[in-house]
Amino acid sequence: MNQHAYLKTCKSCGEGFAKSVKTCPHCGKKVQSGMLLMLIIGIGCLAVVAALAIPVGSERPDAAAGIASAAIDPVDAAELAGLFKNKNSQNDPRAQNKAQQITGKIVQWDLEVIVCTPSAAGYQIVTGATAGVPGTLLKVLPRNNRHRDYLENLKPGNTIQIKGKISGVQQGRIKIDPALVM
């Protein structure tokens, strides 16, 4: 192996010495390893990545207030239930056209819960389809502690009444984001 792999050059006197030495044996100057700088840069990079990864929820309360005061749009839930009854409906041109028409509409529905999980911005709920309403993917924002407690205790089979904004369709389910407990 090359001897330069084990040597370091002193920045003060320019002489070579072993990498393991903390003080230059030629001029007596303390040698900096650069580990502190690398540690600071590493922590800084991690802080930037963490800041970018954490969702910013500042617009969420405004969105919730807008949904709470918004008028309900006329959307035929039973028609949607028939049109989006399976995952393959996303390939149907009628379903694609309907998805574009309903995106942005405000709806208020009673839905049967399949699963409810907490997330950073609220709760994510998957609901089942019935003859009267389609299956949905909800992002529910609790407006107070009573709503938060209610969402924490939701079980499969429970019914939840929501008001929310349709944000699209995914795998035969209507995406509603944000949604509020009514």
Protein backbone atom coordinates (compact mmCIF):
# COMPACT_ATOMS: atom_id res chain seq x y z
CA MET A 1 0.00 0.00 0.00
CA ASN A 2 1.16 3.53 -0.71
CA GLN A 3 2.78 5.26 2.29
CA HIS A 4 0.88 8.50 1.49
CA ALA A 5 -2.29 6.73 2.56
CA TYR A 6 -1.02 6.88 6.17
CA LEU A 7 0.43 10.41 6.00
CA LYS A 8 -1.02 13.87 6.39
CA THR A 9 0.65 17.21 5.52
CA CYS A 10 0.95 19.96 8.13
CA LYS A 11 -0.69 23.21 6.98
CA SER A 12 1.89 25.29 8.89
CA CYS A 13 5.23 23.76 7.93
CA GLY A 14 4.30 21.52 4.97
CA GLU A 15 5.97 18.40 6.44
CA GLY A 16 4.36 14.98 6.38
CA PHE A 17 3.40 13.00 9.49
CA ALA A 18 1.15 10.12 10.56
CA LYS A 19 -2.60 10.71 10.36
CA SER A 20 -3.05 9.47 13.92
CA VAL A 21 -0.87 12.26 15.40
CA LYS A 22 -2.67 15.22 17.04
CA THR A 23 0.34 17.59 17.01
CA CYS A 24 2.84 18.11 14.16
CA PRO A 25 6.17 16.53 15.26
CA HIS A 26 8.11 19.11 13.16
CA CYS A 27 6.62 22.46 14.21
CA GLY A 28 4.49 21.55 17.26
CA LYS A 29 1.29 23.03 15.75
CA LYS A 30 -1.97 21.34 16.81
CA VAL A 31 -3.49 19.42 13.89
CA GLN A 32 -7.20 19.72 13.19
CA SER A 33 -8.84 16.56 11.96
CA GLY A 34 -11.79 18.23 10.25
CA MET A 35 -14.23 15.90 11.99
CA LEU A 36 -15.97 18.78 13.79
CA LEU A 37 -16.60 20.55 10.49
CA MET A 38 -17.90 17.34 8.90
CA LEU A 39 -20.14 16.76 11.93
CA ILE A 40 -21.58 20.30 11.71
CA ILE A 41 -22.20 19.94 7.97
CA GLY A 42 -23.84 16.54 8.51
CA ILE A 43 -26.16 17.87 11.22
CA GLY A 44 -27.02 20.84 9.01
CA CYS A 45 -27.90 18.53 6.11
CA LEU A 46 -30.07 16.38 8.37
CA ALA A 47 -31.86 19.49 9.67
CA VAL A 48 -32.63 20.63 6.12
CA VAL A 49 -33.91 17.18 5.12
CA ALA A 50 -36.06 16.98 8.25
CA ALA A 51 -37.49 20.46 7.66
CA LEU A 52 -38.44 19.54 4.10
CA ALA A 53 -39.94 16.19 5.14
CA ILE A 54 -42.27 17.59 7.79
CA PRO A 55 -45.57 18.70 6.26
CA VAL A 56 -46.46 22.30 6.86
CA GLY A 57 -49.97 22.55 8.19
CA SER A 58 -50.36 26.33 8.16
CA GLU A 59 -52.86 26.27 5.29
CA ARG A 60 -54.92 23.46 6.84
CA PRO A 61 -56.91 25.54 9.38
CA ASP A 62 -57.81 28.00 6.61
CA ALA A 63 -58.91 25.11 4.40
CA ALA A 64 -61.02 23.70 7.23
CA ALA A 65 -62.68 27.06 7.83
CA GLY A 66 -63.42 27.34 4.11
CA ILE A 67 -65.01 23.89 4.04
CA ALA A 68 -67.10 24.53 7.16
CA SER A 69 -68.65 27.65 5.67
CA ALA A 70 -68.91 26.42 2.05
CA ALA A 71 -72.20 25.57 0.40
CA ILE A 72 -72.79 21.91 -0.45
CA ASP A 73 -72.65 21.21 -4.19
CA PRO A 74 -75.27 18.99 -5.84
CA VAL A 75 -73.42 15.72 -6.43
CA ASP A 76 -75.34 12.47 -6.97
CA ALA A 77 -73.60 10.10 -4.55
CA ALA A 78 -75.58 7.06 -5.76
CA GLU A 79 -74.47 7.71 -9.36
CA LEU A 80 -70.85 7.93 -8.17
CA ALA A 81 -71.24 4.69 -6.19
CA GLY A 82 -72.32 2.89 -9.37
CA LEU A 83 -69.69 4.53 -11.57
CA PHE A 84 -66.72 4.00 -9.19
CA LYS A 85 -67.67 0.56 -7.87
CA ASN A 86 -64.30 -1.06 -8.65
CA LYS A 87 -60.62 -0.28 -9.05
CA ASN A 88 -60.81 -0.67 -12.84
CA SER A 89 -63.27 2.21 -13.16
CA GLN A 90 -60.30 4.57 -13.57
CA ASN A 91 -59.92 3.14 -17.12
CA ASP A 92 -63.55 3.93 -18.02
CA PRO A 93 -63.83 7.20 -20.01
CA ARG A 94 -67.20 8.00 -18.35
CA ALA A 95 -65.61 7.61 -14.92
CA GLN A 96 -62.62 9.76 -15.90
CA ASN A 97 -64.94 12.49 -17.20
CA LYS A 98 -67.05 12.35 -14.03
CA ALA A 99 -63.91 12.52 -11.87
CA GLN A 100 -62.93 15.77 -13.59
CA GLN A 101 -66.46 17.16 -13.14
CA ILE A 102 -66.66 16.47 -9.41
CA THR A 103 -63.12 17.53 -8.43
CA GLY A 104 -63.38 20.63 -6.27
CA LYS A 105 -67.02 20.02 -5.29
CA ILE A 106 -68.11 20.23 -1.66
CA VAL A 107 -70.08 17.21 -0.40
CA GLN A 108 -71.65 16.13 2.87
CA TRP A 109 -72.08 12.37 3.24
CA ASP A 110 -72.65 9.67 5.85
CA LEU A 111 -69.95 7.03 5.31
CA GLU A 112 -69.16 3.59 6.75
CA VAL A 113 -65.63 3.44 8.17
CA ILE A 114 -63.29 0.62 7.16
CA VAL A 115 -60.13 1.98 8.79
CA CYS A 116 -59.11 5.20 10.56
CA THR A 117 -55.45 6.08 11.21
CA PRO A 118 -53.89 9.20 12.72
CA SER A 119 -51.52 11.19 10.49
CA ALA A 120 -49.44 14.34 10.86
CA ALA A 121 -52.24 16.64 9.68
CA GLY A 122 -55.25 14.83 11.15
CA TYR A 123 -56.75 11.43 10.33
CA GLN A 124 -56.83 9.29 7.22
CA ILE A 125 -60.01 7.28 6.83
CA VAL A 126 -60.98 4.68 4.25
CA THR A 127 -64.71 4.12 3.87
CA GLY A 128 -66.65 1.39 2.12
CA ALA A 129 -68.99 1.79 -0.81
CA THR A 130 -72.71 1.24 -0.44
CA ALA A 131 -75.57 1.54 -2.93
CA GLY A 132 -76.00 5.18 -1.88
CA VAL A 133 -72.41 6.45 -1.58
CA PRO A 134 -69.07 5.58 -3.13
CA GLY A 135 -66.05 4.36 -1.19
CA THR A 136 -63.81 7.23 -0.14
CA LEU A 137 -60.32 8.14 1.00
CA LEU A 138 -60.66 10.95 3.55
CA LYS A 139 -58.18 13.33 5.14
CA VAL A 140 -60.15 14.50 8.15
CA LEU A 141 -59.14 17.56 10.16
CA PRO A 142 -60.49 17.58 13.71
CA ARG A 143 -61.73 21.08 14.63
CA ASN A 144 -61.66 20.56 18.39
CA ASN A 145 -60.83 18.01 21.09
CA ARG A 146 -64.32 16.49 20.96
CA HIS A 147 -63.85 15.71 17.25
CA ARG A 148 -60.34 14.40 17.93
CA ASP A 149 -61.67 12.05 20.64
CA TYR A 150 -64.47 10.93 18.31
CA LEU A 151 -61.96 10.13 15.53
CA GLU A 152 -59.63 8.33 17.96
CA ASN A 153 -62.47 5.98 18.90
CA LEU A 154 -63.78 5.21 15.40
CA LYS A 155 -63.98 1.50 14.68
CA PRO A 156 -64.62 -0.44 11.45
CA GLY A 157 -68.35 -0.45 10.76
CA ASN A 158 -69.00 2.90 12.48
CA THR A 159 -70.68 5.61 10.43
CA ILE A 160 -69.16 9.07 10.16
CA GLN A 161 -70.81 12.18 8.75
CA ILE A 162 -68.33 14.40 6.93
CA LYS A 163 -68.30 17.56 4.87
CA GLY A 164 -65.38 17.96 2.54
CA LYS A 165 -63.88 18.88 -0.80
CA ILE A 166 -63.46 16.24 -3.49
CA SER A 167 -59.82 16.26 -4.61
CA GLY A 168 -59.98 13.45 -7.16
CA VAL A 169 -60.45 9.71 -7.56
CA GLN A 170 -57.96 6.98 -6.68
CA GLN A 171 -58.45 3.25 -7.31
CA GLY A 172 -62.23 3.56 -7.51
CA ARG A 173 -62.51 5.67 -4.36
CA ILE A 174 -63.39 9.35 -4.12
CA LYS A 175 -60.59 11.33 -2.45
CA ILE A 176 -61.90 14.01 -0.09
CA ASP A 177 -59.29 16.43 1.25
CA PRO A 178 -59.87 18.21 3.51
CA ALA A 179 -62.87 16.74 5.29
CA LEU A 180 -64.50 17.78 8.57
CA VAL A 181 -66.58 15.80 11.07
CA MET A 182 -70.13 17.09 11.13
